[in-house]
Amino acid sequence: KPKVLFFDVNETLLDLTAMKNSVGSALEGKNDLLKLWFTTMLQYSL
């Protein structure tokens, strides 16, 4: 058994559907851009 279980939060525990819908609306319904947005966010965090 591991001594500690560490959990990521967003998407792992929490359902991101509402945020994806909100971001999709901001992108004028171009939901195909959602993955690009997320990878860009991750890229610039790094």
ModelCIF file with pLDDT and N, C-alpha, C, O atoms, coordinates in Angstrom:
data_MODEL
#
_entry.id   MODEL 
#
_entity.id                         1 
_entity.type                       polymer 
_entity.pdbx_number_of_molecules   1 
#
_entity_poly.entity_id                      1 
_entity_poly.type                           'polypeptide(L)' 
_entity_poly.nstd_linkage                   no 
_entity_poly.nstd_monomer                   no 
_entity_poly.pdbx_seq_one_letter_code       KPKVLFFDVNETLLDLTAMKNSVGSALEGKNDLLKLWFTTMLQYSL 
_entity_poly.pdbx_seq_one_letter_code_can   KPKVLFFDVNETLLDLTAMKNSVGSALEGKNDLLKLWFTTMLQYSL 
_entity_poly.pdbx_strand_id                 A 
#
loop_
_entity_poly_seq.entity_id 
_entity_poly_seq.num 
_entity_poly_seq.mon_id 
_entity_poly_seq.hetero 
1 1  LYS n 
1 2  PRO n 
1 3  LYS n 
1 4  VAL n 
1 5  LEU n 
1 6  PHE n 
1 7  PHE n 
1 8  ASP n 
1 9  VAL n 
1 10 ASN n 
1 11 GLU n 
1 12 THR n 
1 13 LEU n 
1 14 LEU n 
1 15 ASP n 
1 16 LEU n 
1 17 THR n 
1 18 ALA n 
1 19 MET n 
1 20 LYS n 
1 21 ASN n 
1 22 SER n 
1 23 VAL n 
1 24 GLY n 
1 25 SER n 
1 26 ALA n 
1 27 LEU n 
1 28 GLU n 
1 29 GLY n 
1 30 LYS n 
1 31 ASN n 
1 32 ASP n 
1 33 LEU n 
1 34 LEU n 
1 35 LYS n 
1 36 LEU n 
1 37 TRP n 
1 38 PHE n 
1 39 THR n 
1 40 THR n 
1 41 MET n 
1 42 LEU n 
1 43 GLN n 
1 44 TYR n 
1 45 SER n 
1 46 LEU n 
#
_struct_asym.id          A 
_struct_asym.entity_id   1 
#
loop_
_ma_qa_metric.id 
_ma_qa_metric.mode 
_ma_qa_metric.name 
_ma_qa_metric.software_group_id 
_ma_qa_metric.type 
1 global pLDDT . pLDDT 
2 local  pLDDT . pLDDT 
#
_ma_qa_metric_global.metric_id      1 
_ma_qa_metric_global.metric_value   95.50 
_ma_qa_metric_global.model_id       1 
_ma_qa_metric_global.ordinal_id     1 
#
loop_
_ma_qa_metric_local.label_asym_id 
_ma_qa_metric_local.label_comp_id 
_ma_qa_metric_local.label_seq_id 
_ma_qa_metric_local.metric_id 
_ma_qa_metric_local.metric_value 
_ma_qa_metric_local.model_id 
_ma_qa_metric_local.ordinal_id 
A LYS 1  2 96.00 1 1  
A PRO 2  2 98.00 1 2  
A LYS 3  2 98.00 1 3  
A VAL 4  2 98.00 1 4  
A LEU 5  2 98.00 1 5  
A PHE 6  2 98.00 1 6  
A PHE 7  2 98.00 1 7  
A ASP 8  2 98.00 1 8  
A VAL 9  2 98.00 1 9  
A ASN 10 2 96.00 1 10 
A GLU 11 2 97.00 1 11 
A THR 12 2 98.00 1 12 
A LEU 13 2 98.00 1 13 
A LEU 14 2 98.00 1 14 
A ASP 15 2 97.00 1 15 
A LEU 16 2 95.00 1 16 
A THR 17 2 95.00 1 17 
A ALA 18 2 95.00 1 18 
A MET 19 2 93.00 1 19 
A LYS 20 2 93.00 1 20 
A ASN 21 2 95.00 1 21 
A SER 22 2 96.00 1 22 
A VAL 23 2 96.00 1 23 
A GLY 24 2 95.00 1 24 
A SER 25 2 95.00 1 25 
A ALA 26 2 96.00 1 26 
A LEU 27 2 96.00 1 27 
A GLU 28 2 95.00 1 28 
A GLY 29 2 94.00 1 29 
A LYS 30 2 93.00 1 30 
A ASN 31 2 89.00 1 31 
A ASP 32 2 91.00 1 32 
A LEU 33 2 95.00 1 33 
A LEU 34 2 93.00 1 34 
A LYS 35 2 92.00 1 35 
A LEU 36 2 95.00 1 36 
A TRP 37 2 95.00 1 37 
A PHE 38 2 93.00 1 38 
A THR 39 2 94.00 1 39 
A THR 40 2 96.00 1 40 
A MET 41 2 95.00 1 41 
A LEU 42 2 94.00 1 42 
A GLN 43 2 96.00 1 43 
A TYR 44 2 97.00 1 44 
A SER 45 2 96.00 1 45 
A LEU 46 2 96.00 1 46 
#
loop_
_atom_site.group_PDB 
_atom_site.id 
_atom_site.type_symbol 
_atom_site.label_atom_id 
_atom_site.label_alt_id 
_atom_site.label_comp_id 
_atom_site.label_asym_id 
_atom_site.label_entity_id 
_atom_site.label_seq_id 
_atom_site.pdbx_PDB_ins_code 
_atom_site.Cartn_x 
_atom_site.Cartn_y 
_atom_site.Cartn_z 
_atom_site.occupancy 
_atom_site.B_iso_or_equiv 
_atom_site.pdbx_formal_charge 
_atom_site.auth_seq_id 
_atom_site.auth_comp_id 
_atom_site.auth_asym_id 
_atom_site.auth_atom_id 
_atom_site.pdbx_PDB_model_num 
ATOM 1   N N  . LYS A 1 1  ? 0.830   -1.199 0.000   1.00 96.00 ? 1  LYS A N  1 
ATOM 2   C CA . LYS A 1 1  ? 0.000   0.000  0.000   1.00 96.00 ? 1  LYS A CA 1 
ATOM 3   C C  . LYS A 1 1  ? 0.870   1.257  0.000   1.00 96.00 ? 1  LYS A C  1 
ATOM 4   O O  . LYS A 1 1  ? 1.837   1.318  0.759   1.00 96.00 ? 1  LYS A O  1 
ATOM 5   N N  . PRO A 1 2  ? 0.561   2.258  -0.823  1.00 98.00 ? 2  PRO A N  1 
ATOM 6   C CA . PRO A 1 2  ? 1.236   3.551  -0.701  1.00 98.00 ? 2  PRO A CA 1 
ATOM 7   C C  . PRO A 1 2  ? 0.896   4.182  0.654   1.00 98.00 ? 2  PRO A C  1 
ATOM 8   O O  . PRO A 1 2  ? -0.194  3.961  1.183   1.00 98.00 ? 2  PRO A O  1 
ATOM 9   N N  . LYS A 1 3  ? 1.806   4.950  1.207   1.00 98.00 ? 3  LYS A N  1 
ATOM 10  C CA . LYS A 1 3  ? 1.522   5.603  2.493   1.00 98.00 ? 3  LYS A CA 1 
ATOM 11  C C  . LYS A 1 3  ? 0.599   6.805  2.323   1.00 98.00 ? 3  LYS A C  1 
ATOM 12  O O  . LYS A 1 3  ? -0.219  7.103  3.194   1.00 98.00 ? 3  LYS A O  1 
ATOM 13  N N  . VAL A 1 4  ? 0.745   7.494  1.182   1.00 98.00 ? 4  VAL A N  1 
ATOM 14  C CA . VAL A 1 4  ? -0.095  8.673  0.922   1.00 98.00 ? 4  VAL A CA 1 
ATOM 15  C C  . VAL A 1 4  ? -0.622  8.613  -0.505  1.00 98.00 ? 4  VAL A C  1 
ATOM 16  O O  . VAL A 1 4  ? 0.128   8.351  -1.446  1.00 98.00 ? 4  VAL A O  1 
ATOM 17  N N  . LEU A 1 5  ? -1.911  8.857  -0.653  1.00 98.00 ? 5  LEU A N  1 
ATOM 18  C CA . LEU A 1 5  ? -2.514  9.003  -1.979  1.00 98.00 ? 5  LEU A CA 1 
ATOM 19  C C  . LEU A 1 5  ? -2.676  10.484 -2.267  1.00 98.00 ? 5  LEU A C  1 
ATOM 20  O O  . LEU A 1 5  ? -3.395  11.183 -1.552  1.00 98.00 ? 5  LEU A O  1 
ATOM 21  N N  . PHE A 1 6  ? -2.012  10.966 -3.309  1.00 98.00 ? 6  PHE A N  1 
ATOM 22  C CA . PHE A 1 6  ? -2.117  12.365 -3.729  1.00 98.00 ? 6  PHE A CA 1 
ATOM 23  C C  . PHE A 1 6  ? -3.071  12.426 -4.922  1.00 98.00 ? 6  PHE A C  1 
ATOM 24  O O  . PHE A 1 6  ? -2.957  11.637 -5.860  1.00 98.00 ? 6  PHE A O  1 
ATOM 25  N N  . PHE A 1 7  ? -4.001  13.359 -4.876  1.00 98.00 ? 7  PHE A N  1 
ATOM 26  C CA . PHE A 1 7  ? -4.999  13.481 -5.936  1.00 98.00 ? 7  PHE A CA 1 
ATOM 27  C C  . PHE A 1 7  ? -4.867  14.798 -6.673  1.00 98.00 ? 7  PHE A C  1 
ATOM 28  O O  . PHE A 1 7  ? -4.882  15.866 -6.060  1.00 98.00 ? 7  PHE A O  1 
ATOM 29  N N  . ASP A 1 8  ? -4.737  14.722 -7.991  1.00 98.00 ? 8  ASP A N  1 
ATOM 30  C CA . ASP A 1 8  ? -4.966  15.910 -8.798  1.00 98.00 ? 8  ASP A CA 1 
ATOM 31  C C  . ASP A 1 8  ? -6.444  16.267 -8.648  1.00 98.00 ? 8  ASP A C  1 
ATOM 32  O O  . ASP A 1 8  ? -7.246  15.418 -8.258  1.00 98.00 ? 8  ASP A O  1 
ATOM 33  N N  . VAL A 1 9  ? -6.812  17.504 -8.952  1.00 98.00 ? 9  VAL A N  1 
ATOM 34  C CA . VAL A 1 9  ? -8.181  17.953 -8.663  1.00 98.00 ? 9  VAL A CA 1 
ATOM 35  C C  . VAL A 1 9  ? -9.025  18.117 -9.929  1.00 98.00 ? 9  VAL A C  1 
ATOM 36  O O  . VAL A 1 9  ? -10.012 17.405 -10.114 1.00 98.00 ? 9  VAL A O  1 
ATOM 37  N N  . ASN A 1 10 ? -8.642  19.045 -10.793 1.00 96.00 ? 10 ASN A N  1 
ATOM 38  C CA . ASN A 1 10 ? -9.473  19.360 -11.959 1.00 96.00 ? 10 ASN A CA 1 
ATOM 39  C C  . ASN A 1 10 ? -9.444  18.248 -12.994 1.00 96.00 ? 10 ASN A C  1 
ATOM 40  O O  . ASN A 1 10 ? -8.376  17.860 -13.467 1.00 96.00 ? 10 ASN A O  1 
ATOM 41  N N  . GLU A 1 11 ? -10.595 17.744 -13.338 1.00 97.00 ? 11 GLU A N  1 
ATOM 42  C CA . GLU A 1 11 ? -10.843 16.621 -14.232 1.00 97.00 ? 11 GLU A CA 1 
ATOM 43  C C  . GLU A 1 11 ? -10.677 15.283 -13.532 1.00 97.00 ? 11 GLU A C  1 
ATOM 44  O O  . GLU A 1 11 ? -11.429 14.348 -13.807 1.00 97.00 ? 11 GLU A O  1 
ATOM 45  N N  . THR A 1 12 ? -9.704  15.174 -12.629 1.00 98.00 ? 12 THR A N  1 
ATOM 46  C CA . THR A 1 12 ? -9.533  13.938 -11.876 1.00 98.00 ? 12 THR A CA 1 
ATOM 47  C C  . THR A 1 12 ? -10.696 13.740 -10.906 1.00 98.00 ? 12 THR A C  1 
ATOM 48  O O  . THR A 1 12 ? -11.333 12.686 -10.894 1.00 98.00 ? 12 THR A O  1 
ATOM 49  N N  . LEU A 1 13 ? -10.966 14.761 -10.093 1.00 98.00 ? 13 LEU A N  1 
ATOM 50  C CA . LEU A 1 13 ? -12.059 14.705 -9.125  1.00 98.00 ? 13 LEU A CA 1 
ATOM 51  C C  . LEU A 1 13 ? -13.273 15.511 -9.572  1.00 98.00 ? 13 LEU A C  1 
ATOM 52  O O  . LEU A 1 13 ? -14.415 15.107 -9.354  1.00 98.00 ? 13 LEU A O  1 
ATOM 53  N N  . LEU A 1 14 ? -13.013 16.654 -10.197 1.00 98.00 ? 14 LEU A N  1 
ATOM 54  C CA . LEU A 1 14 ? -14.085 17.582 -10.554 1.00 98.00 ? 14 LEU A CA 1 
ATOM 55  C C  . LEU A 1 14 ? -14.393 17.538 -12.052 1.00 98.00 ? 14 LEU A C  1 
ATOM 56  O O  . LEU A 1 14 ? -13.493 17.448 -12.887 1.00 98.00 ? 14 LEU A O  1 
ATOM 57  N N  . ASP A 1 15 ? -15.653 17.601 -12.361 1.00 97.00 ? 15 ASP A N  1 
ATOM 58  C CA . ASP A 1 15 ? -16.126 17.575 -13.750 1.00 97.00 ? 15 ASP A CA 1 
ATOM 59  C C  . ASP A 1 15 ? -15.992 18.971 -14.361 1.00 97.00 ? 15 ASP A C  1 
ATOM 60  O O  . ASP A 1 15 ? -16.595 19.930 -13.879 1.00 97.00 ? 15 ASP A O  1 
ATOM 61  N N  . LEU A 1 16 ? -15.196 19.071 -15.424 1.00 95.00 ? 16 LEU A N  1 
ATOM 62  C CA . LEU A 1 16 ? -14.899 20.369 -16.036 1.00 95.00 ? 16 LEU A CA 1 
ATOM 63  C C  . LEU A 1 16 ? -15.912 20.817 -17.085 1.00 95.00 ? 16 LEU A C  1 
ATOM 64  O O  . LEU A 1 16 ? -15.685 21.815 -17.769 1.00 95.00 ? 16 LEU A O  1 
ATOM 65  N N  . THR A 1 17 ? -17.012 20.107 -17.220 1.00 95.00 ? 17 THR A N  1 
ATOM 66  C CA . THR A 1 17 ? -17.965 20.409 -18.301 1.00 95.00 ? 17 THR A CA 1 
ATOM 67  C C  . THR A 1 17 ? -18.422 21.860 -18.278 1.00 95.00 ? 17 THR A C  1 
ATOM 68  O O  . THR A 1 17 ? -18.443 22.510 -19.323 1.00 95.00 ? 17 THR A O  1 
ATOM 69  N N  . ALA A 1 18 ? -18.787 22.381 -17.116 1.00 95.00 ? 18 ALA A N  1 
ATOM 70  C CA . ALA A 1 18 ? -19.292 23.756 -17.014 1.00 95.00 ? 18 ALA A CA 1 
ATOM 71  C C  . ALA A 1 18 ? -18.237 24.770 -17.455 1.00 95.00 ? 18 ALA A C  1 
ATOM 72  O O  . ALA A 1 18 ? -18.562 25.754 -18.120 1.00 95.00 ? 18 ALA A O  1 
ATOM 73  N N  . MET A 1 19 ? -16.975 24.535 -17.090 1.00 93.00 ? 19 MET A N  1 
ATOM 74  C CA . MET A 1 19 ? -15.921 25.456 -17.494 1.00 93.00 ? 19 MET A CA 1 
ATOM 75  C C  . MET A 1 19 ? -15.651 25.353 -18.986 1.00 93.00 ? 19 MET A C  1 
ATOM 76  O O  . MET A 1 19 ? -15.409 26.364 -19.645 1.00 93.00 ? 19 MET A O  1 
ATOM 77  N N  . LYS A 1 20 ? -15.690 24.142 -19.523 1.00 93.00 ? 20 LYS A N  1 
ATOM 78  C CA . LYS A 1 20 ? -15.491 23.972 -20.966 1.00 93.00 ? 20 LYS A CA 1 
ATOM 79  C C  . LYS A 1 20 ? -16.587 24.693 -21.746 1.00 93.00 ? 20 LYS A C  1 
ATOM 80  O O  . LYS A 1 20 ? -16.323 25.301 -22.784 1.00 93.00 ? 20 LYS A O  1 
ATOM 81  N N  . ASN A 1 21 ? -17.810 24.622 -21.243 1.00 95.00 ? 21 ASN A N  1 
ATOM 82  C CA . ASN A 1 21 ? -18.915 25.329 -21.903 1.00 95.00 ? 21 ASN A CA 1 
ATOM 83  C C  . ASN A 1 21 ? -18.710 26.835 -21.856 1.00 95.00 ? 21 ASN A C  1 
ATOM 84  O O  . ASN A 1 21 ? -18.979 27.542 -22.827 1.00 95.00 ? 21 ASN A O  1 
ATOM 85  N N  . SER A 1 22 ? -18.227 27.320 -20.709 1.00 96.00 ? 22 SER A N  1 
ATOM 86  C CA . SER A 1 22 ? -17.986 28.752 -20.553 1.00 96.00 ? 22 SER A CA 1 
ATOM 87  C C  . SER A 1 22 ? -16.870 29.228 -21.481 1.00 96.00 ? 22 SER A C  1 
ATOM 88  O O  . SER A 1 22 ? -16.995 30.264 -22.134 1.00 96.00 ? 22 SER A O  1 
ATOM 89  N N  . VAL A 1 23 ? -15.785 28.469 -21.534 1.00 96.00 ? 23 VAL A N  1 
ATOM 90  C CA . VAL A 1 23 ? -14.664 28.823 -22.413 1.00 96.00 ? 23 VAL A CA 1 
ATOM 91  C C  . VAL A 1 23 ? -15.098 28.722 -23.874 1.00 96.00 ? 23 VAL A C  1 
ATOM 92  O O  . VAL A 1 23 ? -14.723 29.558 -24.696 1.00 96.00 ? 23 VAL A O  1 
ATOM 93  N N  . GLY A 1 24 ? -15.886 27.700 -24.193 1.00 95.00 ? 24 GLY A N  1 
ATOM 94  C CA . GLY A 1 24 ? -16.390 27.548 -25.559 1.00 95.00 ? 24 GLY A CA 1 
ATOM 95  C C  . GLY A 1 24 ? -17.237 28.736 -25.981 1.00 95.00 ? 24 GLY A C  1 
ATOM 96  O O  . GLY A 1 24 ? -17.151 29.185 -27.124 1.00 95.00 ? 24 GLY A O  1 
ATOM 97  N N  . SER A 1 25 ? -18.054 29.247 -25.072 1.00 95.00 ? 25 SER A N  1 
ATOM 98  C CA . SER A 1 25 ? -18.872 30.438 -25.369 1.00 95.00 ? 25 SER A CA 1 
ATOM 99  C C  . SER A 1 25 ? -17.988 31.657 -25.609 1.00 95.00 ? 25 SER A C  1 
ATOM 100 O O  . SER A 1 25 ? -18.245 32.454 -26.511 1.00 95.00 ? 25 SER A O  1 
ATOM 101 N N  . ALA A 1 26 ? -16.939 31.795 -24.791 1.00 96.00 ? 26 ALA A N  1 
ATOM 102 C CA . ALA A 1 26 ? -16.012 32.916 -24.968 1.00 96.00 ? 26 ALA A CA 1 
ATOM 103 C C  . ALA A 1 26 ? -15.305 32.848 -26.313 1.00 96.00 ? 26 ALA A C  1 
ATOM 104 O O  . ALA A 1 26 ? -14.910 33.872 -26.870 1.00 96.00 ? 26 ALA A O  1 
ATOM 105 N N  . LEU A 1 27 ? -15.149 31.629 -26.830 1.00 96.00 ? 27 LEU A N  1 
ATOM 106 C CA . LEU A 1 27 ? -14.509 31.433 -28.137 1.00 96.00 ? 27 LEU A CA 1 
ATOM 107 C C  . LEU A 1 27 ? -15.549 31.366 -29.262 1.00 96.00 ? 27 LEU A C  1 
ATOM 108 O O  . LEU A 1 27 ? -15.303 30.805 -30.329 1.00 96.00 ? 27 LEU A O  1 
ATOM 109 N N  . GLU A 1 28 ? -16.702 31.951 -28.990 1.00 95.00 ? 28 GLU A N  1 
ATOM 110 C CA . GLU A 1 28 ? -17.785 32.071 -29.974 1.00 95.00 ? 28 GLU A CA 1 
ATOM 111 C C  . GLU A 1 28 ? -18.253 30.717 -30.500 1.00 95.00 ? 28 GLU A C  1 
ATOM 112 O O  . GLU A 1 28 ? -18.559 30.556 -31.681 1.00 95.00 ? 28 GLU A O  1 
ATOM 113 N N  . GLY A 1 29 ? -18.299 29.755 -29.587 1.00 94.00 ? 29 GLY A N  1 
ATOM 114 C CA . GLY A 1 29 ? -18.809 28.434 -29.944 1.00 94.00 ? 29 GLY A CA 1 
ATOM 115 C C  . GLY A 1 29 ? -17.844 27.550 -30.696 1.00 94.00 ? 29 GLY A C  1 
ATOM 116 O O  . GLY A 1 29 ? -18.225 26.466 -31.138 1.00 94.00 ? 29 GLY A O  1 
ATOM 117 N N  . LYS A 1 30 ? -16.615 27.975 -30.855 1.00 93.00 ? 30 LYS A N  1 
ATOM 118 C CA . LYS A 1 30 ? -15.617 27.165 -31.571 1.00 93.00 ? 30 LYS A CA 1 
ATOM 119 C C  . LYS A 1 30 ? -14.989 26.157 -30.604 1.00 93.00 ? 30 LYS A C  1 
ATOM 120 O O  . LYS A 1 30 ? -13.847 26.312 -30.170 1.00 93.00 ? 30 LYS A O  1 
ATOM 121 N N  . ASN A 1 31 ? -15.764 25.128 -30.285 1.00 89.00 ? 31 ASN A N  1 
ATOM 122 C CA . ASN A 1 31 ? -15.335 24.162 -29.278 1.00 89.00 ? 31 ASN A CA 1 
ATOM 123 C C  . ASN A 1 31 ? -14.107 23.358 -29.697 1.00 89.00 ? 31 ASN A C  1 
ATOM 124 O O  . ASN A 1 31 ? -13.451 22.743 -28.857 1.00 89.00 ? 31 ASN A O  1 
ATOM 125 N N  . ASP A 1 32 ? -13.796 23.362 -30.995 1.00 91.00 ? 32 ASP A N  1 
ATOM 126 C CA . ASP A 1 32 ? -12.593 22.676 -31.441 1.00 91.00 ? 32 ASP A CA 1 
ATOM 127 C C  . ASP A 1 32 ? -11.325 23.348 -30.917 1.00 91.00 ? 32 ASP A C  1 
ATOM 128 O O  . ASP A 1 32 ? -10.237 22.776 -30.986 1.00 91.00 ? 32 ASP A O  1 
ATOM 129 N N  . LEU A 1 33 ? -11.474 24.568 -30.393 1.00 95.00 ? 33 LEU A N  1 
ATOM 130 C CA . LEU A 1 33 ? -10.322 25.304 -29.866 1.00 95.00 ? 33 LEU A CA 1 
ATOM 131 C C  . LEU A 1 33 ? -10.071 25.018 -28.382 1.00 95.00 ? 33 LEU A C  1 
ATOM 132 O O  . LEU A 1 33 ? -9.082  25.489 -27.820 1.00 95.00 ? 33 LEU A O  1 
ATOM 133 N N  . LEU A 1 34 ? -10.955 24.252 -27.750 1.00 93.00 ? 34 LEU A N  1 
ATOM 134 C CA . LEU A 1 34 ? -10.820 24.008 -26.314 1.00 93.00 ? 34 LEU A CA 1 
ATOM 135 C C  . LEU A 1 34 ? -9.513  23.291 -25.969 1.00 93.00 ? 34 LEU A C  1 
ATOM 136 O O  . LEU A 1 34 ? -8.826  23.674 -25.023 1.00 93.00 ? 34 LEU A O  1 
ATOM 137 N N  . LYS A 1 35 ? -9.171  22.257 -26.730 1.00 92.00 ? 35 LYS A N  1 
ATOM 138 C CA . LYS A 1 35 ? -7.933  21.530 -26.453 1.00 92.00 ? 35 LYS A CA 1 
ATOM 139 C C  . LYS A 1 35 ? -6.715  22.414 -26.672 1.00 92.00 ? 35 LYS A C  1 
ATOM 140 O O  . LYS A 1 35 ? -5.737  22.334 -25.930 1.00 92.00 ? 35 LYS A O  1 
ATOM 141 N N  . LEU A 1 36 ? -6.783  23.268 -27.710 1.00 95.00 ? 36 LEU A N  1 
ATOM 142 C CA . LEU A 1 36 ? -5.688  24.195 -27.960 1.00 95.00 ? 36 LEU A CA 1 
ATOM 143 C C  . LEU A 1 36 ? -5.534  25.160 -26.798 1.00 95.00 ? 36 LEU A C  1 
ATOM 144 O O  . LEU A 1 36 ? -4.418  25.475 -26.386 1.00 95.00 ? 36 LEU A O  1 
ATOM 145 N N  . TRP A 1 37 ? -6.669  25.631 -26.268 1.00 95.00 ? 37 TRP A N  1 
ATOM 146 C CA . TRP A 1 37 ? -6.607  26.540 -25.110 1.00 95.00 ? 37 TRP A CA 1 
ATOM 147 C C  . TRP A 1 37 ? -5.941  25.848 -23.926 1.00 95.00 ? 37 TRP A C  1 
ATOM 148 O O  . TRP A 1 37 ? -5.061  26.427 -23.288 1.00 95.00 ? 37 TRP A O  1 
ATOM 149 N N  . PHE A 1 38 ? -6.353  24.608 -23.623 1.00 93.00 ? 38 PHE A N  1 
ATOM 150 C CA . PHE A 1 38 ? -5.796  23.924 -22.457 1.00 93.00 ? 38 PHE A CA 1 
ATOM 151 C C  . PHE A 1 38 ? -4.302  23.668 -22.621 1.00 93.00 ? 38 PHE A C  1 
ATOM 152 O O  . PHE A 1 38 ? -3.531  23.879 -21.685 1.00 93.00 ? 38 PHE A O  1 
ATOM 153 N N  . THR A 1 39 ? -3.886  23.215 -23.804 1.00 94.00 ? 39 THR A N  1 
ATOM 154 C CA . THR A 1 39 ? -2.463  22.948 -24.009 1.00 94.00 ? 39 THR A CA 1 
ATOM 155 C C  . THR A 1 39 ? -1.648  24.240 -23.969 1.00 94.00 ? 39 THR A C  1 
ATOM 156 O O  . THR A 1 39 ? -0.498  24.239 -23.529 1.00 94.00 ? 39 THR A O  1 
ATOM 157 N N  . THR A 1 40 ? -2.247  25.347 -24.430 1.00 96.00 ? 40 THR A N  1 
ATOM 158 C CA . THR A 1 40 ? -1.563  26.645 -24.342 1.00 96.00 ? 40 THR A CA 1 
ATOM 159 C C  . THR A 1 40 ? -1.404  27.063 -22.884 1.00 96.00 ? 40 THR A C  1 
ATOM 160 O O  . THR A 1 40 ? -0.357  27.578 -22.492 1.00 96.00 ? 40 THR A O  1 
ATOM 161 N N  . MET A 1 41 ? -2.442  26.841 -22.084 1.00 95.00 ? 41 MET A N  1 
ATOM 162 C CA . MET A 1 41 ? -2.366  27.153 -20.650 1.00 95.00 ? 41 MET A CA 1 
ATOM 163 C C  . MET A 1 41 ? -1.265  26.332 -19.982 1.00 95.00 ? 41 MET A C  1 
ATOM 164 O O  . MET A 1 41 ? -0.464  26.865 -19.215 1.00 95.00 ? 41 MET A O  1 
ATOM 165 N N  . LEU A 1 42 ? -1.230  25.046 -20.275 1.00 94.00 ? 42 LEU A N  1 
ATOM 166 C CA . LEU A 1 42 ? -0.204  24.192 -19.692 1.00 94.00 ? 42 LEU A CA 1 
ATOM 167 C C  . LEU A 1 42 ? 1.182   24.615 -20.167 1.00 94.00 ? 42 LEU A C  1 
ATOM 168 O O  . LEU A 1 42 ? 2.126   24.653 -19.379 1.00 94.00 ? 42 LEU A O  1 
ATOM 169 N N  . GLN A 1 43 ? 1.303   24.932 -21.452 1.00 96.00 ? 43 GLN A N  1 
ATOM 170 C CA . GLN A 1 43 ? 2.588   25.368 -22.005 1.00 96.00 ? 43 GLN A CA 1 
ATOM 171 C C  . GLN A 1 43 ? 3.120   26.589 -21.269 1.00 96.00 ? 43 GLN A C  1 
ATOM 172 O O  . GLN A 1 43 ? 4.294   26.637 -20.904 1.00 96.00 ? 43 GLN A O  1 
ATOM 173 N N  . TYR A 1 44 ? 2.258   27.573 -21.052 1.00 97.00 ? 44 TYR A N  1 
ATOM 174 C CA . TYR A 1 44 ? 2.735   28.813 -20.440 1.00 97.00 ? 44 TYR A CA 1 
ATOM 175 C C  . TYR A 1 44 ? 2.884   28.709 -18.931 1.00 97.00 ? 44 TYR A C  1 
ATOM 176 O O  . TYR A 1 44 ? 3.592   29.516 -18.330 1.00 97.00 ? 44 TYR A O  1 
ATOM 177 N N  . SER A 1 45 ? 2.234   27.736 -18.307 1.00 96.00 ? 45 SER A N  1 
ATOM 178 C CA . SER A 1 45 ? 2.531   27.486 -16.897 1.00 96.00 ? 45 SER A CA 1 
ATOM 179 C C  . SER A 1 45 ? 3.956   26.960 -16.774 1.00 96.00 ? 45 SER A C  1 
ATOM 180 O O  . SER A 1 45 ? 4.672   27.312 -15.837 1.00 96.00 ? 45 SER A O  1 
ATOM 181 N N  . LEU A 1 46 ? 4.368   26.115 -17.721 1.00 96.00 ? 46 LEU A N  1 
ATOM 182 C CA . LEU A 1 46 ? 5.728   25.594 -17.699 1.00 96.00 ? 46 LEU A CA 1 
ATOM 183 C C  . LEU A 1 46 ? 6.746   26.635 -18.143 1.00 96.00 ? 46 LEU A C  1 
ATOM 184 O O  . LEU A 1 46 ? 7.943   26.350 -18.180 1.00 96.00 ? 46 LEU A O  1 
#
